[in-house]
Amino acid sequence: MMEEKVYWQNRVAFILASMGSAIGLGNVWRFPYICYKYGGGAFLFAYVVVLMLIGIPLLILEFGIGYKFKGSAPYSLSQVRIGNINFEFIGWFAILVGFCITTYYSVIMGWSFDYLFYTLKTMWGDAPKEFFYKNVLGLTDSVFNLGKIQWHIVIGLILSWVWIVLSIWKGAKTVGKVVYVTVTLPWILLIVFVIRGLALPGAFEGIKYYLTPSWEKLLSPELWQAAISQCFFSLTVGFGVMIAYASFLPPKSDIVNNAFLVGLADAATAYIAGFAVFSTLGYYAYTMGVSVSDVMKSGPELAFCTYPTIISKLPFAPLFGIMFFVMLLTLAIDSAFSLVEGASASFIDKFKIKRWKSNVGISIIAFLLGIIYTTGAGLYWLDIMDHFMNNFGLFLAGFLECIIIGYIYGSENMKRFINEVSERKIGKWWNISILIIVPISAFILLLVSIIERIKSPYGGYPRSAEAFGWGSIILFLILSIVFSRITKEEK
């Protein structure tokens, strides 16, 4: 029996859901660091350029695909054909990459759940770094020394998956209600942290590190590579999520305006997060009597080591600790359930199964696969898989998507459809972006990533560990073709 198609209750629900998918942990712990590393204000300028030339055009494309074909990424791309050949497998590849990301993204949520408890008594004491790596992760000395399963992380992981499943239980109908809280709450908390951070001594020294432009870095290819990579990562394009979300849009929905709103909101959130991060880092450096560059970290170490240290120094430390980890959880949940929803919608379209069966089945499989990340070597495996999914899976999916729609379906055909339903019209600049700028950028980044891995293994890990990353990409390509062939036979 086919599931009845559910649409977004209103435009606000769709925009908030899309913003929630785009705005995630990377806005807080990745963007500010990259901005600092690549010239402050110069990187901000480069990022805005990339957003306009690559990010927003890709968002418009994915919204257009989902809205026109009214289905998940595999279904939508199966409608593009050359004779008897369709391109459903590309949609499945994007979905499988996104699914893989949820297996470890949910573990990071599990850490955050644990820290809600730890922060009540600031249990990390005077050594938050040692507490995180030793007590929380039980980190071993090598990638193949798995150590023990950390059961407190497993409990947090279970809580994460229960939350994810409940958030997408009835698809767009449930998501459209959840995002009113999970998208707006982290914004409120982020603003609180900005205001509190700017009031701390040493804050403006940190802001100087964040914003002072090094314009000469605009000539560096590395800066532009970082800006393009961040744009792909941040907007959740190439995972099939935005295609699925757009398929739930009711008639007469404005594609172009929605894409601009989502893209600009994501960039603004990352920019504002930089003030929260660097003002507190400035304060931390001030109290330690060192330079801001000496305390600058990114990723999990920033969130679970540096920030707890800073929180311990603040009045009402438990309160600010709870607020911080609630902010991390609400930033993460929208991105997590959007990736699961993209996968669930794909299986519903393909097998015509009940939504609850798809939601629960996908979540159980992802939970079981995520157990590897709760072991003592979990952080190593998380790092490896994240690198391969984002640097190979994402760029490959984005490249193929542009080729299929731009050259085979026809960018002019898609542009004509998008303009018919949008107040703001797109012109030749969009065709140029989809036909030339985006595919060339994605291909170059993919090629650079491959060359880098041929030269040396990622992160100093052994080649045998790196093989699991390569193997996952190859496996997803094979599964994508298998899934698309099953569909073809059923037809």
Protein backbone atom coordinates (compact mmCIF):
# COMPACT_ATOMS: atom_id res chain seq x y z
CA MET A 1 0.00 0.00 0.00
CA MET A 2 1.42 3.40 -1.00
CA GLU A 3 2.00 6.07 1.63
CA GLU A 4 -0.12 9.16 1.21
CA LYS A 5 2.00 12.13 0.10
CA VAL A 6 2.48 14.62 2.93
CA TYR A 7 3.37 18.24 2.20
CA TRP A 8 4.88 20.99 4.33
CA GLN A 9 2.26 22.84 6.35
CA ASN A 10 3.56 26.17 5.05
CA ARG A 11 6.58 27.86 3.53
CA VAL A 12 8.08 28.67 6.93
CA ALA A 13 8.21 24.98 7.86
CA PHE A 14 10.09 24.12 4.65
CA ILE A 15 12.55 27.00 5.05
CA LEU A 16 13.23 26.16 8.70
CA ALA A 17 13.70 22.46 7.87
CA SER A 18 16.11 23.29 5.05
CA MET A 19 17.97 25.76 7.25
CA GLY A 20 18.17 23.15 10.00
CA SER A 21 19.63 20.62 7.58
CA ALA A 22 22.24 23.11 6.39
CA ILE A 23 23.09 24.64 9.76
CA GLY A 24 24.94 22.06 11.83
CA LEU A 25 27.95 21.46 14.03
CA GLY A 26 30.33 22.61 11.29
CA ASN A 27 28.96 26.14 11.56
CA VAL A 28 30.24 26.29 15.14
CA TRP A 29 33.39 24.21 15.17
CA ARG A 30 34.64 24.24 11.57
CA PHE A 31 33.77 27.53 9.86
CA PRO A 32 35.33 29.91 12.45
CA TYR A 33 38.58 27.92 12.48
CA ILE A 34 38.86 27.85 8.68
CA CYS A 35 38.10 31.56 8.58
CA TYR A 36 40.93 32.22 11.05
CA LYS A 37 43.32 29.89 9.20
CA TYR A 38 42.76 31.40 5.76
CA GLY A 39 42.95 35.10 6.33
CA GLY A 40 39.96 36.16 8.42
CA GLY A 41 38.01 38.77 6.50
CA ALA A 42 39.64 37.61 3.25
CA PHE A 43 38.13 34.15 3.70
CA LEU A 44 34.73 35.65 4.50
CA PHE A 45 34.87 37.54 1.20
CA ALA A 46 35.87 34.37 -0.68
CA TYR A 47 33.12 32.38 1.00
CA VAL A 48 30.42 34.86 -0.03
CA VAL A 49 31.69 34.70 -3.63
CA VAL A 50 31.62 30.89 -3.56
CA LEU A 51 28.18 30.89 -1.96
CA MET A 52 26.79 33.01 -4.80
CA LEU A 53 28.58 31.15 -7.62
CA ILE A 54 28.31 27.58 -6.33
CA GLY A 55 26.30 27.12 -3.13
CA ILE A 56 23.05 28.90 -3.93
CA PRO A 57 22.96 27.72 -7.60
CA LEU A 58 23.31 24.13 -6.33
CA LEU A 59 20.54 24.70 -3.79
CA ILE A 60 18.31 26.09 -6.55
CA LEU A 61 19.12 23.01 -8.65
CA GLU A 62 18.30 20.51 -5.89
CA PHE A 63 15.12 22.34 -4.89
CA GLY A 64 14.15 22.40 -8.57
CA ILE A 65 14.79 18.66 -9.02
CA GLY A 66 12.73 17.66 -5.99
CA TYR A 67 9.90 20.08 -6.73
CA LYS A 68 9.60 19.12 -10.39
CA PHE A 69 9.75 15.34 -10.05
CA LYS A 70 8.00 15.17 -6.64
CA GLY A 71 10.17 12.42 -5.26
CA SER A 72 13.35 11.42 -3.46
CA ALA A 73 16.77 11.79 -5.10
CA PRO A 74 16.78 8.25 -6.62
CA TYR A 75 13.22 8.59 -7.93
CA SER A 76 13.79 12.10 -9.30
CA LEU A 77 16.99 11.19 -11.12
CA SER A 78 15.35 8.03 -12.49
CA GLN A 79 13.11 10.37 -14.50
CA VAL A 80 16.13 11.62 -16.45
CA ARG A 81 16.82 9.19 -19.29
CA ILE A 82 18.91 8.46 -22.35
CA GLY A 83 16.91 5.81 -24.15
CA ASN A 84 16.37 2.99 -21.64
CA ILE A 85 19.12 4.22 -19.32
CA ASN A 86 18.20 6.30 -16.27
CA PHE A 87 20.38 7.82 -13.57
CA GLU A 88 18.70 6.58 -10.42
CA PHE A 89 22.00 5.15 -9.16
CA ILE A 90 23.40 8.66 -8.66
CA GLY A 91 20.54 9.44 -6.30
CA TRP A 92 21.17 6.23 -4.38
CA PHE A 93 24.88 7.00 -4.11
CA ALA A 94 24.11 10.42 -2.59
CA ILE A 95 21.64 8.84 -0.16
CA LEU A 96 24.09 6.13 0.94
CA VAL A 97 26.83 8.69 1.59
CA GLY A 98 24.40 10.70 3.73
CA PHE A 99 23.29 7.55 5.54
CA CYS A 100 26.92 6.71 6.37
CA ILE A 101 27.37 10.16 7.86
CA THR A 102 24.40 9.64 10.20
CA THR A 103 26.09 6.56 11.68
CA TYR A 104 28.79 8.74 13.25
CA TYR A 105 27.00 12.10 13.45
CA SER A 106 24.58 10.47 15.89
CA VAL A 107 27.55 9.38 18.02
CA ILE A 108 28.65 13.01 18.36
CA MET A 109 25.11 13.71 19.56
CA GLY A 110 25.64 10.89 22.05
CA TRP A 111 28.73 12.65 23.40
CA SER A 112 26.66 15.82 23.81
CA PHE A 113 23.97 13.94 25.74
CA ASP A 114 26.67 12.61 28.06
CA TYR A 115 28.09 16.08 28.59
CA LEU A 116 24.68 17.40 29.66
CA PHE A 117 25.14 15.15 32.68
CA TYR A 118 28.85 15.86 33.15
CA THR A 119 28.36 19.62 33.10
CA LEU A 120 26.06 19.60 36.17
CA LYS A 121 29.13 19.13 38.37
CA THR A 122 31.77 20.14 35.81
CA MET A 123 33.07 16.59 36.10
CA TRP A 124 36.02 17.26 33.79
CA GLY A 125 37.69 19.21 36.62
CA ASP A 126 40.99 20.88 35.74
CA ALA A 127 41.82 18.48 32.89
CA PRO A 128 38.95 18.53 30.35
CA LYS A 129 41.18 17.25 27.54
CA GLU A 130 42.27 14.20 29.50
CA PHE A 131 38.69 13.68 30.68
CA PHE A 132 37.34 13.69 27.11
CA TYR A 133 39.93 11.39 25.57
CA LYS A 134 40.43 9.04 28.52
CA ASN A 135 37.20 8.99 30.55
CA VAL A 136 34.62 9.67 27.83
CA LEU A 137 36.13 8.09 24.71
CA GLY A 138 38.51 5.60 26.35
CA LEU A 139 40.80 6.40 23.42
CA THR A 140 43.27 3.66 22.52
CA ASP A 141 46.74 4.07 21.03
CA SER A 142 45.90 2.95 17.47
CA VAL A 143 43.07 2.58 14.98
CA PHE A 144 43.03 -1.24 15.09
CA ASN A 145 43.14 -1.41 18.90
CA LEU A 146 39.38 -1.13 19.41
CA GLY A 147 39.49 -1.33 23.20
CA LYS A 148 36.15 -1.49 24.98
CA ILE A 149 32.70 -0.28 24.02
CA GLN A 150 31.96 2.84 26.06
CA TRP A 151 28.47 2.08 27.31
CA HIS A 152 27.75 5.64 28.41
CA ILE A 153 28.21 6.69 24.76
CA VAL A 154 25.90 3.86 23.66
CA ILE A 155 23.20 5.21 25.98
CA GLY A 156 23.63 8.67 24.45
CA LEU A 157 23.52 7.06 21.00
CA ILE A 158 20.21 5.34 21.82
CA LEU A 159 18.74 8.66 22.99
CA SER A 160 19.92 10.29 19.76
CA TRP A 161 18.25 7.69 17.55
CA VAL A 162 14.99 7.77 19.50
CA TRP A 163 14.93 11.55 18.99
CA ILE A 164 15.74 11.23 15.28
CA VAL A 165 13.02 8.62 14.65
CA LEU A 166 10.36 10.61 16.52
CA SER A 167 11.32 13.77 14.59
CA ILE A 168 10.61 12.17 11.20
CA TRP A 169 7.83 9.79 12.27
CA LYS A 170 5.28 11.27 9.86
CA GLY A 171 7.75 12.86 7.47
CA ALA A 172 7.25 16.51 6.57
CA LYS A 173 4.24 16.72 8.90
CA THR A 174 6.34 15.94 12.00
CA VAL A 175 9.53 17.64 10.83
CA GLY A 176 7.57 20.81 10.07
CA LYS A 177 6.59 21.05 13.74
CA VAL A 178 9.88 19.96 15.31
CA VAL A 179 11.99 22.54 13.46
CA TYR A 180 10.17 25.46 15.04
CA VAL A 181 12.04 24.51 18.22
CA THR A 182 15.20 22.79 16.99
CA VAL A 183 16.12 25.55 14.52
CA THR A 184 15.14 28.64 16.52
CA LEU A 185 16.51 27.48 19.91
CA PRO A 186 20.17 27.20 18.82
CA TRP A 187 19.94 30.67 17.26
CA ILE A 188 18.72 32.08 20.58
CA LEU A 189 21.44 30.27 22.52
CA LEU A 190 24.09 31.34 20.00
CA ILE A 191 23.11 34.98 20.45
CA VAL A 192 23.31 34.52 24.23
CA PHE A 193 26.86 33.17 23.86
CA VAL A 194 27.83 36.05 21.57
CA ILE A 195 26.55 38.65 24.06
CA ARG A 196 28.17 36.87 27.01
CA GLY A 197 31.40 36.34 25.11
CA LEU A 198 31.77 39.95 24.03
CA ALA A 199 31.41 41.05 27.66
CA LEU A 200 34.44 39.00 28.74
CA PRO A 201 37.94 40.51 29.12
CA GLY A 202 40.16 39.74 26.13
CA ALA A 203 37.15 39.10 23.88
CA PHE A 204 38.01 41.73 21.30
CA GLU A 205 41.53 40.39 20.93
CA GLY A 206 39.92 37.13 19.87
CA ILE A 207 37.59 38.92 17.44
CA LYS A 208 40.63 40.59 15.85
CA TYR A 209 42.08 37.15 15.10
CA TYR A 210 38.76 36.17 13.55
CA LEU A 211 38.10 39.16 11.31
CA THR A 212 41.40 40.90 10.53
CA PRO A 213 41.81 40.33 6.77
CA SER A 214 44.96 39.04 5.14
CA TRP A 215 44.02 40.03 1.60
CA GLU A 216 47.13 38.48 0.07
CA LYS A 217 45.68 35.05 0.90
CA LEU A 218 43.02 35.59 -1.77
CA LEU A 219 45.78 34.62 -4.21
CA SER A 220 46.17 31.25 -2.48
CA PRO A 221 44.48 28.26 -4.19
CA GLU A 222 44.19 26.65 -0.76
CA LEU A 223 41.88 29.43 0.44
CA TRP A 224 39.50 28.94 -2.48
CA GLN A 225 39.63 25.16 -2.08
CA ALA A 226 38.72 25.59 1.60
CA ALA A 227 35.88 28.00 0.75
CA ILE A 228 34.37 25.65 -1.86
CA SER A 229 34.73 22.63 0.42
CA GLN A 230 33.07 24.45 3.31
CA CYS A 231 30.22 25.56 1.05
CA PHE A 232 29.53 21.98 -0.07
CA PHE A 233 29.76 20.63 3.48
CA SER A 234 27.65 23.33 5.08
CA LEU A 235 24.67 23.48 2.72
CA THR A 236 24.02 19.70 2.75
CA VAL A 237 24.03 19.63 -1.05
CA GLY A 238 24.98 16.37 -2.73
CA PHE A 239 23.30 14.18 -0.10
CA GLY A 240 19.84 14.04 -1.67
CA VAL A 241 18.33 15.75 1.39
CA MET A 242 17.30 19.00 -0.27
CA ILE A 243 15.78 17.08 -3.18
CA ALA A 244 13.62 15.07 -0.76
CA TYR A 245 12.61 18.18 1.22
CA ALA A 246 11.64 20.06 -1.95
CA SER A 247 9.48 17.12 -3.07
CA PHE A 248 7.15 17.89 -0.15
CA LEU A 249 6.55 21.47 -1.31
CA PRO A 250 2.93 22.33 -2.15
CA PRO A 251 2.04 23.88 -5.54
CA LYS A 252 3.11 27.47 -6.30
CA SER A 253 6.23 27.40 -4.13
CA ASP A 254 9.02 29.88 -4.87
CA ILE A 255 12.23 27.91 -5.50
CA VAL A 256 14.70 30.76 -5.99
CA ASN A 257 13.74 32.89 -2.99
CA ASN A 258 13.74 29.82 -0.75
CA ALA A 259 17.25 28.86 -1.89
CA PHE A 260 18.60 32.36 -1.25
CA LEU A 261 17.02 32.45 2.21
CA VAL A 262 18.49 29.08 3.20
CA GLY A 263 21.95 29.81 1.79
CA LEU A 264 22.23 33.25 3.36
CA ALA A 265 20.86 32.06 6.73
CA ASP A 266 23.45 29.29 6.83
CA ALA A 267 26.29 31.71 6.07
CA ALA A 268 24.99 34.25 8.60
CA THR A 269 24.81 31.59 11.32
CA ALA A 270 28.40 30.51 10.66
CA TYR A 271 29.54 34.15 10.70
CA ILE A 272 27.78 34.90 14.00
CA ALA A 273 29.08 31.65 15.51
CA GLY A 274 32.58 32.99 14.88
CA PHE A 275 31.92 35.84 17.32
CA ALA A 276 30.78 33.38 20.00
CA VAL A 277 33.82 31.15 19.45
CA PHE A 278 36.54 33.80 19.15
CA SER A 279 35.29 36.08 21.92
CA THR A 280 35.49 33.18 24.38
CA LEU A 281 38.84 32.04 22.96
CA GLY A 282 40.10 35.59 23.45
CA TYR A 283 38.97 35.42 27.07
CA TYR A 284 40.62 32.02 27.51
CA ALA A 285 43.90 33.30 26.06
CA TYR A 286 43.67 36.37 28.32
CA THR A 287 43.27 34.26 31.47
CA MET A 288 46.13 31.97 30.42
CA GLY A 289 48.44 34.81 29.41
CA VAL A 290 48.99 33.38 25.92
CA SER A 291 48.14 34.26 22.32
CA VAL A 292 44.75 33.36 20.83
CA SER A 293 46.56 31.23 18.25
CA ASP A 294 47.88 29.08 21.11
CA VAL A 295 44.38 28.08 22.23
CA MET A 296 42.72 27.85 18.80
CA LYS A 297 41.22 24.44 18.10
CA SER A 298 38.56 23.06 15.77
CA GLY A 299 36.22 20.10 15.63
CA PRO A 300 35.47 17.89 18.65
CA GLU A 301 38.44 19.20 20.62
CA LEU A 302 37.03 22.74 20.48
CA ALA A 303 33.58 21.60 21.65
CA PHE A 304 34.51 18.96 24.21
CA CYS A 305 37.91 20.15 25.52
CA THR A 306 38.43 23.88 24.98
CA TYR A 307 34.86 25.03 25.63
CA PRO A 308 34.46 23.03 28.87
CA THR A 309 37.70 24.66 30.09
CA ILE A 310 36.28 28.11 29.34
CA ILE A 311 32.89 27.23 30.87
CA SER A 312 34.62 26.21 34.11
CA LYS A 313 36.04 29.74 34.40
CA LEU A 314 32.63 31.43 34.06
CA PRO A 315 30.17 32.25 36.87
CA PHE A 316 27.19 29.85 36.82
CA ALA A 317 29.31 27.31 34.93
CA PRO A 318 26.72 24.48 34.99
CA LEU A 319 24.07 26.76 33.45
CA PHE A 320 26.32 27.84 30.59
CA GLY A 321 27.46 24.25 30.15
CA ILE A 322 23.91 22.98 29.76
CA MET A 323 23.10 25.81 27.34
CA PHE A 324 26.18 25.03 25.25
CA PHE A 325 25.52 21.31 24.91
CA VAL A 326 21.80 21.85 24.28
CA MET A 327 22.90 24.19 21.48
CA LEU A 328 25.16 21.46 20.03
CA LEU A 329 22.36 18.90 20.22
CA THR A 330 19.80 21.11 18.53
CA LEU A 331 22.30 22.08 15.83
CA ALA A 332 23.06 18.41 15.20
CA ILE A 333 19.55 16.94 15.32
CA ASP A 334 18.20 18.81 12.28
CA SER A 335 21.12 17.74 10.10
CA ALA A 336 20.89 14.16 11.40
CA PHE A 337 17.19 13.62 10.84
CA SER A 338 17.31 15.35 7.45
CA LEU A 339 19.83 12.76 6.23
CA VAL A 340 17.68 9.94 7.60
CA GLU A 341 14.56 11.47 6.04
CA GLY A 342 16.34 11.61 2.68
CA ALA A 343 17.08 7.89 2.96
CA SER A 344 13.63 7.01 4.30
CA ALA A 345 11.85 8.89 1.50
CA SER A 346 13.98 6.98 -1.02
CA PHE A 347 13.01 3.56 0.34
CA ILE A 348 9.35 4.57 0.57
CA ASP A 349 9.38 5.71 -3.08
CA LYS A 350 11.14 2.52 -4.16
CA PHE A 351 9.48 -0.24 -2.16
CA LYS A 352 6.12 1.46 -1.37
CA ILE A 353 6.54 0.46 2.28
CA LYS A 354 5.05 2.03 5.39
CA ARG A 355 6.93 5.08 6.60
CA TRP A 356 7.35 3.74 10.12
CA LYS A 357 8.98 0.58 8.79
CA SER A 358 11.42 2.62 6.71
CA ASN A 359 12.23 5.01 9.59
CA VAL A 360 12.75 2.26 12.17
CA GLY A 361 14.63 -0.08 9.83
CA ILE A 362 17.10 2.57 8.69
CA SER A 363 17.62 3.79 12.25
CA ILE A 364 18.30 0.32 13.67
CA ILE A 365 20.87 -0.41 10.94
CA ALA A 366 22.55 2.98 11.44
CA PHE A 367 22.60 2.49 15.22
CA LEU A 368 24.26 -0.93 14.91
CA LEU A 369 26.85 0.39 12.45
CA GLY A 370 27.50 3.28 14.83
CA ILE A 371 28.63 0.95 17.63
CA ILE A 372 32.15 0.92 16.11
CA TYR A 373 32.40 4.63 16.94
CA THR A 374 31.64 3.99 20.62
CA THR A 375 34.77 1.85 21.05
CA GLY A 376 38.15 3.08 22.20
CA ALA A 377 39.21 3.50 18.56
CA GLY A 378 35.92 5.14 17.61
CA LEU A 379 37.36 8.63 17.15
CA TYR A 380 39.92 7.33 14.65
CA TRP A 381 37.26 5.56 12.57
CA LEU A 382 34.98 8.58 12.76
CA ASP A 383 37.79 10.76 11.44
CA ILE A 384 38.58 8.38 8.56
CA MET A 385 34.98 7.89 7.44
CA ASP A 386 34.18 11.59 7.72
CA HIS A 387 37.14 12.43 5.51
CA PHE A 388 36.17 9.96 2.79
CA MET A 389 32.45 10.72 2.80
CA ASN A 390 32.97 14.47 2.59
CA ASN A 391 36.00 14.61 0.29
CA PHE A 392 35.04 11.85 -2.12
CA GLY A 393 31.37 10.96 -1.75
CA LEU A 394 30.08 14.52 -1.57
CA PHE A 395 32.12 15.94 -4.47
CA LEU A 396 31.43 12.93 -6.69
CA ALA A 397 27.67 13.18 -6.07
CA GLY A 398 27.66 16.94 -6.71
CA PHE A 399 29.68 16.55 -9.90
CA LEU A 400 27.45 13.79 -11.32
CA GLU A 401 24.28 15.65 -10.38
CA CYS A 402 25.34 18.72 -12.37
CA ILE A 403 26.37 16.63 -15.39
CA ILE A 404 23.08 14.71 -15.47
CA ILE A 405 20.76 17.68 -15.03
CA GLY A 406 22.95 20.26 -16.76
CA TYR A 407 23.86 18.34 -19.90
CA ILE A 408 21.43 15.43 -20.24
CA TYR A 409 18.15 16.78 -18.90
CA GLY A 410 19.21 20.29 -19.91
CA SER A 411 19.96 23.25 -17.65
CA GLU A 412 17.75 25.43 -19.85
CA ASN A 413 14.78 23.09 -19.32
CA MET A 414 15.29 23.14 -15.56
CA LYS A 415 15.78 26.91 -15.52
CA ARG A 416 12.55 27.41 -17.46
CA PHE A 417 10.63 25.30 -14.93
CA ILE A 418 12.17 27.06 -11.93
CA ASN A 419 11.38 30.51 -13.35
CA GLU A 420 7.76 29.48 -13.94
CA VAL A 421 7.23 28.90 -10.20
CA SER A 422 9.52 31.62 -8.78
CA GLU A 423 9.07 35.35 -8.31
CA ARG A 424 12.80 35.98 -8.58
CA LYS A 425 14.00 34.76 -11.97
CA ILE A 426 17.36 33.15 -12.64
CA GLY A 427 19.30 34.04 -15.78
CA LYS A 428 22.27 32.78 -17.76
CA TRP A 429 24.51 33.10 -14.69
CA TRP A 430 22.74 30.03 -13.27
CA ASN A 431 23.34 27.99 -16.45
CA ILE A 432 27.02 28.94 -16.37
CA SER A 433 27.26 27.88 -12.74
CA ILE A 434 25.57 24.50 -13.21
CA LEU A 435 27.23 23.71 -16.56
CA ILE A 436 30.74 24.96 -15.85
CA ILE A 437 31.61 26.40 -12.43
CA VAL A 438 30.11 23.75 -10.11
CA PRO A 439 31.15 20.60 -12.03
CA ILE A 440 34.67 21.89 -12.66
CA SER A 441 35.06 22.90 -8.99
CA ALA A 442 33.73 19.56 -7.73
CA PHE A 443 35.91 17.61 -10.19
CA ILE A 444 39.06 19.54 -9.23
CA LEU A 445 38.41 19.04 -5.51
CA LEU A 446 37.77 15.34 -6.11
CA LEU A 447 40.97 15.05 -8.15
CA VAL A 448 43.02 16.94 -5.55
CA SER A 449 41.67 14.67 -2.80
CA ILE A 450 42.60 11.55 -4.78
CA ILE A 451 46.12 12.84 -5.51
CA GLU A 452 46.64 13.74 -1.85
CA ARG A 453 45.62 10.24 -0.76
CA ILE A 454 47.89 8.62 -3.36
CA LYS A 455 50.82 10.68 -2.07
CA SER A 456 50.24 9.87 1.58
CA PRO A 457 47.60 8.20 3.78
CA TYR A 458 45.10 10.48 5.47
CA GLY A 459 46.01 11.67 8.96
CA GLY A 460 48.98 9.34 9.21
CA TYR A 461 46.68 6.32 9.48
CA PRO A 462 47.92 3.00 8.04
CA ARG A 463 46.90 2.22 4.46
CA SER A 464 44.99 -0.80 5.75
CA ALA A 465 42.72 1.50 7.79
CA GLU A 466 42.37 3.93 4.91
CA ALA A 467 41.17 1.01 2.77
CA PHE A 468 37.91 1.02 4.73
CA GLY A 469 37.23 4.55 3.48
CA TRP A 470 37.96 3.64 -0.14
CA GLY A 471 36.03 0.41 0.29
CA SER A 472 32.95 2.25 1.55
CA ILE A 473 32.88 4.55 -1.49
CA ILE A 474 33.23 1.57 -3.85
CA LEU A 475 30.59 -0.41 -1.91
CA PHE A 476 28.13 2.50 -2.12
CA LEU A 477 28.65 2.74 -5.88
CA ILE A 478 27.97 -0.99 -6.26
CA LEU A 479 24.90 -0.88 -4.00
CA SER A 480 23.62 2.15 -5.90
CA ILE A 481 23.74 0.25 -9.18
CA VAL A 482 22.14 -2.83 -7.57
CA PHE A 483 19.27 -0.76 -6.12
CA SER A 484 18.64 0.98 -9.42
CA ARG A 485 18.62 -2.35 -11.29
CA ILE A 486 16.08 -3.84 -8.90
CA THR A 487 13.86 -0.85 -9.59
CA LYS A 488 14.32 -1.32 -13.32
CA GLU A 489 13.33 -4.98 -13.14
CA GLU A 490 10.21 -4.17 -11.11
CA LYS A 491 9.08 -1.73 -13.76
